[in-house]
PDB file of all heavy atoms in Angstrom:
ATOM      1  N   ASN A   1     -64.705  90.205  68.910  1.00  0.00           N
ATOM      2  CA  ASN A   1     -65.097  90.460  67.533  1.00  0.00           C
ATOM      3  C   ASN A   1     -65.027  91.940  67.191  1.00  0.00           C
ATOM      4  O   ASN A   1     -64.556  92.329  66.101  1.00  0.00           O
ATOM      5  CB  ASN A   1     -66.527  89.952  67.301  1.00  0.00           C
ATOM      6  CG  ASN A   1     -66.601  88.430  67.355  1.00  0.00           C
ATOM      7  OD1 ASN A   1     -65.614  87.739  67.108  1.00  0.00           O
ATOM      8  ND2 ASN A   1     -67.757  87.909  67.711  1.00  0.00           N
ATOM      9  N   ASN A   2     -65.456  92.785  68.120  1.00  0.00           N
ATOM     10  CA  ASN A   2     -65.436  94.234  67.900  1.00  0.00           C
ATOM     11  C   ASN A   2     -64.002  94.714  67.787  1.00  0.00           C
ATOM     12  O   ASN A   2     -63.669  95.546  66.934  1.00  0.00           O
ATOM     13  CB  ASN A   2     -66.166  94.935  69.038  1.00  0.00           C
ATOM     14  CG  ASN A   2     -66.456  96.376  68.742  1.00  0.00           C
ATOM     15  OD1 ASN A   2     -65.562  97.213  68.746  1.00  0.00           O
ATOM     16  ND2 ASN A   2     -67.715  96.703  68.497  1.00  0.00           N
ATOM     17  N   ARG A   3     -63.145  94.180  68.632  1.00  0.00           N
ATOM     18  CA  ARG A   3     -61.741  94.557  68.637  1.00  0.00           C
ATOM     19  C   ARG A   3     -61.087  94.222  67.288  1.00  0.00           C
ATOM     20  O   ARG A   3     -60.297  94.996  66.748  1.00  0.00           O
ATOM     21  CB  ARG A   3     -61.024  93.849  69.779  1.00  0.00           C
ATOM     22  CG  ARG A   3     -59.539  94.153  69.885  1.00  0.00           C
ATOM     23  CD  ARG A   3     -59.295  95.338  70.727  1.00  0.00           C
ATOM     24  NE  ARG A   3     -57.905  95.681  70.814  1.00  0.00           N
ATOM     25  CZ  ARG A   3     -57.425  96.674  71.535  1.00  0.00           C
ATOM     26  NH1 ARG A   3     -58.244  97.428  72.235  1.00  0.00           N
ATOM     27  NH2 ARG A   3     -56.128  96.958  71.569  1.00  0.00           N
ATOM     28  N   LYS A   4     -61.394  93.063  66.764  1.00  0.00           N
ATOM     29  CA  LYS A   4     -60.842  92.644  65.472  1.00  0.00           C
ATOM     30  C   LYS A   4     -61.240  93.621  64.375  1.00  0.00           C
ATOM     31  O   LYS A   4     -60.429  94.001  63.530  1.00  0.00           O
ATOM     32  CB  LYS A   4     -61.306  91.237  65.126  1.00  0.00           C
ATOM     33  CG  LYS A   4     -60.642  90.137  65.925  1.00  0.00           C
ATOM     34  CD  LYS A   4     -61.202  88.764  65.541  1.00  0.00           C
ATOM     35  CE  LYS A   4     -60.555  87.661  66.365  1.00  0.00           C
ATOM     36  NZ  LYS A   4     -61.179  86.339  66.048  1.00  0.00           N
ATOM     37  N   ARG A   5     -62.494  94.012  64.372  1.00  0.00           N
ATOM     38  CA  ARG A   5     -62.989  94.954  63.363  1.00  0.00           C
ATOM     39  C   ARG A   5     -62.221  96.275  63.427  1.00  0.00           C
ATOM     40  O   ARG A   5     -61.792  96.796  62.397  1.00  0.00           O
ATOM     41  CB  ARG A   5     -64.466  95.234  63.580  1.00  0.00           C
ATOM     42  CG  ARG A   5     -65.409  94.090  63.242  1.00  0.00           C
ATOM     43  CD  ARG A   5     -66.832  94.545  63.422  1.00  0.00           C
ATOM     44  NE  ARG A   5     -67.769  93.506  63.092  1.00  0.00           N
ATOM     45  CZ  ARG A   5     -69.075  93.699  62.915  1.00  0.00           C
ATOM     46  NH1 ARG A   5     -69.547  94.930  63.032  1.00  0.00           N
ATOM     47  NH2 ARG A   5     -69.868  92.719  62.607  1.00  0.00           N
ATOM     48  N   LEU A   6     -62.112  96.802  64.617  1.00  0.00           N
ATOM     49  CA  LEU A   6     -61.491  98.115  64.775  1.00  0.00           C
ATOM     50  C   LEU A   6     -59.976  98.059  64.537  1.00  0.00           C
ATOM     51  O   LEU A   6     -59.396  99.021  64.059  1.00  0.00           O
ATOM     52  CB  LEU A   6     -61.808  98.682  66.160  1.00  0.00           C
ATOM     53  CG  LEU A   6     -63.293  99.004  66.390  1.00  0.00           C
ATOM     54  CD1 LEU A   6     -63.516  99.496  67.802  1.00  0.00           C
ATOM     55  CD2 LEU A   6     -63.792 100.036  65.394  1.00  0.00           C
ATOM     56  N   THR A   7     -59.361  96.947  64.891  1.00  0.00           N
ATOM     57  CA  THR A   7     -57.928  96.798  64.623  1.00  0.00           C
ATOM     58  C   THR A   7     -57.663  96.859  63.121  1.00  0.00           C
ATOM     59  O   THR A   7     -56.716  97.507  62.667  1.00  0.00           O
ATOM     60  CB  THR A   7     -57.403  95.466  65.208  1.00  0.00           C
ATOM     61  OG1 THR A   7     -57.612  95.461  66.619  1.00  0.00           O
ATOM     62  CG2 THR A   7     -55.927  95.285  64.914  1.00  0.00           C
ATOM     63  N   TYR A   8     -58.519  96.209  62.343  1.00  0.00           N
ATOM     64  CA  TYR A   8     -58.392  96.275  60.884  1.00  0.00           C
ATOM     65  C   TYR A   8     -58.711  97.692  60.382  1.00  0.00           C
ATOM     66  O   TYR A   8     -58.012  98.218  59.503  1.00  0.00           O
ATOM     67  CB  TYR A   8     -59.321  95.269  60.218  1.00  0.00           C
ATOM     68  CG  TYR A   8     -59.355  95.422  58.709  1.00  0.00           C
ATOM     69  CD1 TYR A   8     -58.243  95.102  57.927  1.00  0.00           C
ATOM     70  CD2 TYR A   8     -60.489  95.907  58.067  1.00  0.00           C
ATOM     71  CE1 TYR A   8     -58.252  95.248  56.556  1.00  0.00           C
ATOM     72  CE2 TYR A   8     -60.510  96.071  56.682  1.00  0.00           C
ATOM     73  CZ  TYR A   8     -59.404  95.742  55.947  1.00  0.00           C
ATOM     74  OH  TYR A   8     -59.411  95.905  54.583  1.00  0.00           O
ATOM     75  N   ALA A   9     -59.740  98.314  60.987  1.00  0.00           N
ATOM     76  CA  ALA A   9     -60.161  99.639  60.549  1.00  0.00           C
ATOM     77  C   ALA A   9     -59.045 100.669  60.734  1.00  0.00           C
ATOM     78  O   ALA A   9     -58.972 101.642  59.971  1.00  0.00           O
ATOM     79  CB  ALA A   9     -61.403 100.077  61.322  1.00  0.00           C
ATOM     80  N   PHE A  10     -58.180 100.448  61.738  1.00  0.00           N
ATOM     81  CA  PHE A  10     -57.103 101.400  62.006  1.00  0.00           C
ATOM     82  C   PHE A  10     -55.733 100.806  61.674  1.00  0.00           C
ATOM     83  O   PHE A  10     -54.731 101.184  62.273  1.00  0.00           O
ATOM     84  CB  PHE A  10     -57.169 101.849  63.460  1.00  0.00           C
ATOM     85  CG  PHE A  10     -58.453 102.584  63.809  1.00  0.00           C
ATOM     86  CD1 PHE A  10     -59.216 102.212  64.900  1.00  0.00           C
ATOM     87  CD2 PHE A  10     -58.905 103.636  63.008  1.00  0.00           C
ATOM     88  CE1 PHE A  10     -60.405 102.861  65.203  1.00  0.00           C
ATOM     89  CE2 PHE A  10     -60.087 104.291  63.295  1.00  0.00           C
ATOM     90  CZ  PHE A  10     -60.844 103.910  64.394  1.00  0.00           C
ATOM     91  N   SER A  11     -55.712  99.885  60.741  1.00  0.00           N
ATOM     92  CA  SER A  11     -54.431  99.340  60.253  1.00  0.00           C
ATOM     93  C   SER A  11     -53.720 100.424  59.425  1.00  0.00           C
ATOM     94  O   SER A  11     -54.323 101.417  59.025  1.00  0.00           O
ATOM     95  CB  SER A  11     -54.669  98.112  59.388  1.00  0.00           C
ATOM     96  OG  SER A  11     -55.400  98.476  58.218  1.00  0.00           O
ATOM     97  N   SER A  12     -52.441 100.225  59.168  1.00  0.00           N
ATOM     98  CA  SER A  12     -51.675 101.207  58.399  1.00  0.00           C
ATOM     99  C   SER A  12     -52.301 101.461  57.043  1.00  0.00           C
ATOM    100  O   SER A  12     -52.387 102.607  56.579  1.00  0.00           O
ATOM    101  CB  SER A  12     -50.224 100.718  58.224  1.00  0.00           C
ATOM    102  OG  SER A  12     -49.573 100.647  59.462  1.00  0.00           O
ATOM    103  N   MET A  13     -52.746 100.413  56.369  1.00  0.00           N
ATOM    104  CA  MET A  13     -53.371 100.568  55.072  1.00  0.00           C
ATOM    105  C   MET A  13     -54.616 101.450  55.150  1.00  0.00           C
ATOM    106  O   MET A  13     -54.804 102.358  54.332  1.00  0.00           O
ATOM    107  CB  MET A  13     -53.743  99.188  54.512  1.00  0.00           C
ATOM    108  CG  MET A  13     -54.440  99.250  53.143  1.00  0.00           C
ATOM    109  SD  MET A  13     -55.080  97.627  52.650  1.00  0.00           S
ATOM    110  CE  MET A  13     -56.472  97.441  53.765  1.00  0.00           C
ATOM    111  N   ARG A  14     -55.445 101.212  56.151  1.00  0.00           N
ATOM    112  CA  ARG A  14     -56.690 101.978  56.272  1.00  0.00           C
ATOM    113  C   ARG A  14     -56.394 103.416  56.699  1.00  0.00           C
ATOM    114  O   ARG A  14     -57.043 104.356  56.249  1.00  0.00           O
ATOM    115  CB  ARG A  14     -57.609 101.313  57.300  1.00  0.00           C
ATOM    116  CG  ARG A  14     -58.171  99.973  56.895  1.00  0.00           C
ATOM    117  CD  ARG A  14     -59.089 100.061  55.713  1.00  0.00           C
ATOM    118  NE  ARG A  14     -60.095 101.113  55.871  1.00  0.00           N
ATOM    119  CZ  ARG A  14     -60.918 101.514  54.896  1.00  0.00           C
ATOM    120  NH1 ARG A  14     -60.851 100.954  53.723  1.00  0.00           N
ATOM    121  NH2 ARG A  14     -61.803 102.453  55.132  1.00  0.00           N
ATOM    122  N   LEU A  15     -55.418 103.600  57.563  1.00  0.00           N
ATOM    123  CA  LEU A  15     -55.081 104.953  58.031  1.00  0.00           C
ATOM    124  C   LEU A  15     -54.550 105.812  56.872  1.00  0.00           C
ATOM    125  O   LEU A  15     -54.851 107.017  56.826  1.00  0.00           O
ATOM    126  CB  LEU A  15     -54.055 104.895  59.157  1.00  0.00           C
ATOM    127  CG  LEU A  15     -54.578 104.403  60.501  1.00  0.00           C
ATOM    128  CD1 LEU A  15     -53.436 104.276  61.503  1.00  0.00           C
ATOM    129  CD2 LEU A  15     -55.661 105.302  61.074  1.00  0.00           C
ATOM    130  N   LYS A  16     -53.821 105.208  55.968  1.00  0.00           N
ATOM    131  CA  LYS A  16     -53.354 105.967  54.800  1.00  0.00           C
ATOM    132  C   LYS A  16     -54.543 106.467  53.996  1.00  0.00           C
ATOM    133  O   LYS A  16     -54.524 107.600  53.447  1.00  0.00           O
ATOM    134  CB  LYS A  16     -52.457 105.095  53.922  1.00  0.00           C
ATOM    135  CG  LYS A  16     -51.084 104.849  54.514  1.00  0.00           C
ATOM    136  CD  LYS A  16     -50.248 103.979  53.585  1.00  0.00           C
ATOM    137  CE  LYS A  16     -48.872 103.683  54.199  1.00  0.00           C
ATOM    138  NZ  LYS A  16     -48.048 102.828  53.317  1.00  0.00           N
ATOM    139  N   ILE A  17     -55.587 105.668  53.899  1.00  0.00           N
ATOM    140  CA  ILE A  17     -56.799 106.072  53.181  1.00  0.00           C
ATOM    141  C   ILE A  17     -57.530 107.168  53.940  1.00  0.00           C
ATOM    142  O   ILE A  17     -57.939 108.183  53.358  1.00  0.00           O
ATOM    143  CB  ILE A  17     -57.720 104.849  52.957  1.00  0.00           C
ATOM    144  CG1 ILE A  17     -57.017 103.833  52.033  1.00  0.00           C
ATOM    145  CG2 ILE A  17     -59.060 105.283  52.368  1.00  0.00           C
ATOM    146  CD1 ILE A  17     -57.744 102.499  51.942  1.00  0.00           C
ATOM    147  N   LEU A  18     -57.682 106.983  55.252  1.00  0.00           N
ATOM    148  CA  LEU A  18     -58.394 107.976  56.061  1.00  0.00           C
ATOM    149  C   LEU A  18     -57.646 109.297  56.124  1.00  0.00           C
ATOM    150  O   LEU A  18     -58.250 110.351  56.301  1.00  0.00           O
ATOM    151  CB  LEU A  18     -58.628 107.420  57.480  1.00  0.00           C
ATOM    152  CG  LEU A  18     -59.609 106.266  57.608  1.00  0.00           C
ATOM    153  CD1 LEU A  18     -59.638 105.743  59.046  1.00  0.00           C
ATOM    154  CD2 LEU A  18     -61.005 106.653  57.178  1.00  0.00           C
ATOM    155  N   LEU A  19     -56.313 109.236  55.987  1.00  0.00           N
ATOM    156  CA  LEU A  19     -55.521 110.461  56.037  1.00  0.00           C
ATOM    157  C   LEU A  19     -55.942 111.445  54.953  1.00  0.00           C
ATOM    158  O   LEU A  19     -55.877 112.667  55.149  1.00  0.00           O
ATOM    159  CB  LEU A  19     -54.031 110.145  55.907  1.00  0.00           C
ATOM    160  CG  LEU A  19     -53.068 111.349  55.882  1.00  0.00           C
ATOM    161  CD1 LEU A  19     -53.211 112.174  57.145  1.00  0.00           C
ATOM    162  CD2 LEU A  19     -51.626 110.890  55.705  1.00  0.00           C
ATOM    163  N   GLU A  20     -56.405 110.956  53.801  1.00  0.00           N
ATOM    164  CA  GLU A  20     -56.833 111.839  52.722  1.00  0.00           C
ATOM    165  C   GLU A  20     -58.010 112.699  53.180  1.00  0.00           C
ATOM    166  O   GLU A  20     -58.071 113.907  52.858  1.00  0.00           O
ATOM    167  CB  GLU A  20     -57.197 111.034  51.464  1.00  0.00           C
ATOM    168  CG  GLU A  20     -56.023 110.301  50.853  1.00  0.00           C
ATOM    169  CD  GLU A  20     -54.835 111.233  50.602  1.00  0.00           C
ATOM    170  OE1 GLU A  20     -55.023 112.274  49.959  1.00  0.00           O
ATOM    171  OE2 GLU A  20     -53.706 110.909  51.052  1.00  0.00           O
ATOM    172  N   SER A  21     -58.931 112.142  53.935  1.00  0.00           N
ATOM    173  CA  SER A  21     -60.051 112.902  54.482  1.00  0.00           C
ATOM    174  C   SER A  21     -59.557 113.890  55.536  1.00  0.00           C
ATOM    175  O   SER A  21     -60.015 115.036  55.588  1.00  0.00           O
ATOM    176  CB  SER A  21     -61.091 111.971  55.101  1.00  0.00           C
ATOM    177  OG  SER A  21     -61.668 111.136  54.132  1.00  0.00           O
ATOM    178  N   VAL A  22     -58.611 113.449  56.360  1.00  0.00           N
ATOM    179  CA  VAL A  22     -58.042 114.330  57.391  1.00  0.00           C
ATOM    180  C   VAL A  22     -57.354 115.534  56.754  1.00  0.00           C
ATOM    181  O   VAL A  22     -57.490 116.665  57.215  1.00  0.00           O
ATOM    182  CB  VAL A  22     -57.068 113.545  58.286  1.00  0.00           C
ATOM    183  CG1 VAL A  22     -56.350 114.470  59.267  1.00  0.00           C
ATOM    184  CG2 VAL A  22     -57.804 112.450  59.067  1.00  0.00           C
ATOM    185  N   LYS A  23     -56.628 115.309  55.677  1.00  0.00           N
ATOM    186  CA  LYS A  23     -55.917 116.414  54.989  1.00  0.00           C
ATOM    187  C   LYS A  23     -56.890 117.434  54.414  1.00  0.00           C
ATOM    188  O   LYS A  23     -56.626 118.652  54.444  1.00  0.00           O
ATOM    189  CB  LYS A  23     -55.029 115.841  53.886  1.00  0.00           C
ATOM    190  CG  LYS A  23     -53.768 115.159  54.420  1.00  0.00           C
ATOM    191  CD  LYS A  23     -53.106 114.266  53.393  1.00  0.00           C
ATOM    192  CE  LYS A  23     -52.586 115.015  52.194  1.00  0.00           C
ATOM    193  NZ  LYS A  23     -51.863 114.127  51.263  1.00  0.00           N
ATOM    194  N   GLN A  24     -58.020 116.974  53.940  1.00  0.00           N
ATOM    195  CA  GLN A  24     -59.041 117.908  53.435  1.00  0.00           C
ATOM    196  C   GLN A  24     -59.546 118.792  54.578  1.00  0.00           C
ATOM    197  O   GLN A  24     -59.768 120.000  54.398  1.00  0.00           O
ATOM    198  CB  GLN A  24     -60.196 117.134  52.810  1.00  0.00           C
ATOM    199  CG  GLN A  24     -59.847 116.433  51.514  1.00  0.00           C
ATOM    200  CD  GLN A  24     -60.950 115.551  51.000  1.00  0.00           C
ATOM    201  OE1 GLN A  24     -62.090 115.654  51.449  1.00  0.00           O
ATOM    202  NE2 GLN A  24     -60.629 114.665  50.049  1.00  0.00           N
ATOM    203  N   VAL A  25     -59.730 118.189  55.743  1.00  0.00           N
ATOM    204  CA  VAL A  25     -60.180 118.964  56.910  1.00  0.00           C
ATOM    205  C   VAL A  25     -59.091 119.939  57.340  1.00  0.00           C
ATOM    206  O   VAL A  25     -59.373 121.072  57.740  1.00  0.00           O
ATOM    207  CB  VAL A  25     -60.567 118.043  58.077  1.00  0.00           C
ATOM    208  CG1 VAL A  25     -60.994 118.862  59.292  1.00  0.00           C
ATOM    209  CG2 VAL A  25     -61.692 117.100  57.656  1.00  0.00           C
ATOM    210  N   CYS A  26     -57.823 119.548  57.231  1.00  0.00           N
ATOM    211  CA  CYS A  26     -56.702 120.438  57.564  1.00  0.00           C
ATOM    212  C   CYS A  26     -56.724 121.684  56.667  1.00  0.00           C
ATOM    213  O   CYS A  26     -56.457 122.803  57.118  1.00  0.00           O
ATOM    214  CB  CYS A  26     -55.373 119.711  57.424  1.00  0.00           C
ATOM    215  SG  CYS A  26     -55.019 118.557  58.753  1.00  0.00           S
ATOM    216  N   THR A  27     -57.066 121.481  55.399  1.00  0.00           N
ATOM    217  CA  THR A  27     -57.171 122.609  54.476  1.00  0.00           C
ATOM    218  C   THR A  27     -58.322 123.537  54.887  1.00  0.00           C
ATOM    219  O   THR A  27     -58.177 124.760  54.879  1.00  0.00           O
ATOM    220  CB  THR A  27     -57.418 122.098  53.036  1.00  0.00           C
ATOM    221  OG1 THR A  27     -56.298 121.299  52.640  1.00  0.00           O
ATOM    222  CG2 THR A  27     -57.561 123.261  52.061  1.00  0.00           C
ATOM    223  N   THR A  28     -59.451 122.937  55.275  1.00  0.00           N
ATOM    224  CA  THR A  28     -60.580 123.728  55.753  1.00  0.00           C
ATOM    225  C   THR A  28     -60.201 124.496  57.024  1.00  0.00           C
ATOM    226  O   THR A  28     -60.569 125.672  57.187  1.00  0.00           O
ATOM    227  CB  THR A  28     -61.787 122.798  56.055  1.00  0.00           C
ATOM    228  OG1 THR A  28     -62.106 122.056  54.883  1.00  0.00           O
ATOM    229  CG2 THR A  28     -63.005 123.608  56.489  1.00  0.00           C
ATOM    230  N   PHE A  29     -59.466 123.838  57.911  1.00  0.00           N
ATOM    231  CA  PHE A  29     -58.996 124.474  59.143  1.00  0.00           C
ATOM    232  C   PHE A  29     -58.110 125.680  58.829  1.00  0.00           C
ATOM    233  O   PHE A  29     -58.288 126.752  59.402  1.00  0.00           O
ATOM    234  CB  PHE A  29     -58.220 123.436  59.979  1.00  0.00           C
ATOM    235  CG  PHE A  29     -57.591 124.007  61.234  1.00  0.00           C
ATOM    236  CD1 PHE A  29     -58.303 124.036  62.414  1.00  0.00           C
ATOM    237  CD2 PHE A  29     -56.295 124.481  61.226  1.00  0.00           C
ATOM    238  CE1 PHE A  29     -57.721 124.539  63.583  1.00  0.00           C
ATOM    239  CE2 PHE A  29     -55.701 124.990  62.369  1.00  0.00           C
ATOM    240  CZ  PHE A  29     -56.444 125.030  63.555  1.00  0.00           C
ATOM    241  N   GLU A  30     -57.185 125.490  57.906  1.00  0.00           N
ATOM    242  CA  GLU A  30     -56.271 126.580  57.535  1.00  0.00           C
ATOM    243  C   GLU A  30     -57.047 127.753  56.934  1.00  0.00           C
ATOM    244  O   GLU A  30     -56.760 128.926  57.254  1.00  0.00           O
ATOM    245  CB  GLU A  30     -55.221 126.076  56.560  1.00  0.00           C
ATOM    246  CG  GLU A  30     -54.162 127.112  56.220  1.00  0.00           C
ATOM    247  CD  GLU A  30     -53.138 126.602  55.231  1.00  0.00           C
ATOM    248  OE1 GLU A  30     -53.035 125.372  55.042  1.00  0.00           O
ATOM    249  OE2 GLU A  30     -52.420 127.446  54.649  1.00  0.00           O
ATOM    250  N   ASN A  31     -57.989 127.481  56.057  1.00  0.00           N
ATOM    251  CA  ASN A  31     -58.794 128.547  55.453  1.00  0.00           C
ATOM    252  C   ASN A  31     -59.589 129.308  56.504  1.00  0.00           C
ATOM    253  O   ASN A  31     -59.687 130.545  56.454  1.00  0.00           O
ATOM    254  CB  ASN A  31     -59.753 127.955  54.414  1.00  0.00           C
ATOM    255  CG  ASN A  31     -59.032 127.403  53.198  1.00  0.00           C
ATOM    256  OD1 ASN A  31     -57.900 127.810  52.913  1.00  0.00           O
ATOM    257  ND2 ASN A  31     -59.659 126.493  52.476  1.00  0.00           N
ATOM    258  N   TYR A  32     -60.117 128.570  57.483  1.00  0.00           N
ATOM    259  CA  TYR A  32     -60.883 129.192  58.580  1.00  0.00           C
ATOM    260  C   TYR A  32     -59.979 130.113  59.384  1.00  0.00           C
ATOM    261  O   TYR A  32     -60.359 131.265  59.690  1.00  0.00           O
ATOM    262  CB  TYR A  32     -61.469 128.092  59.462  1.00  0.00           C
ATOM    263  CG  TYR A  32     -62.112 128.565  60.741  1.00  0.00           C
ATOM    264  CD1 TYR A  32     -63.423 129.044  60.746  1.00  0.00           C
ATOM    265  CD2 TYR A  32     -61.419 128.535  61.946  1.00  0.00           C
ATOM    266  CE1 TYR A  32     -64.024 129.471  61.907  1.00  0.00           C
ATOM    267  CE2 TYR A  32     -62.012 128.939  63.118  1.00  0.00           C
ATOM    268  CZ  TYR A  32     -63.310 129.429  63.093  1.00  0.00           C
ATOM    269  OH  TYR A  32     -63.894 129.852  64.265  1.00  0.00           O
TER     270      TYR A  32
END
């Protein structure tokens, strides 16, 4: 059950969404 949840959480669709948060952190990293 846990595996199913996480497989969906890291699907291509979800990763595209999470990438927006990652890009914001990349901007913070660059400024730092």
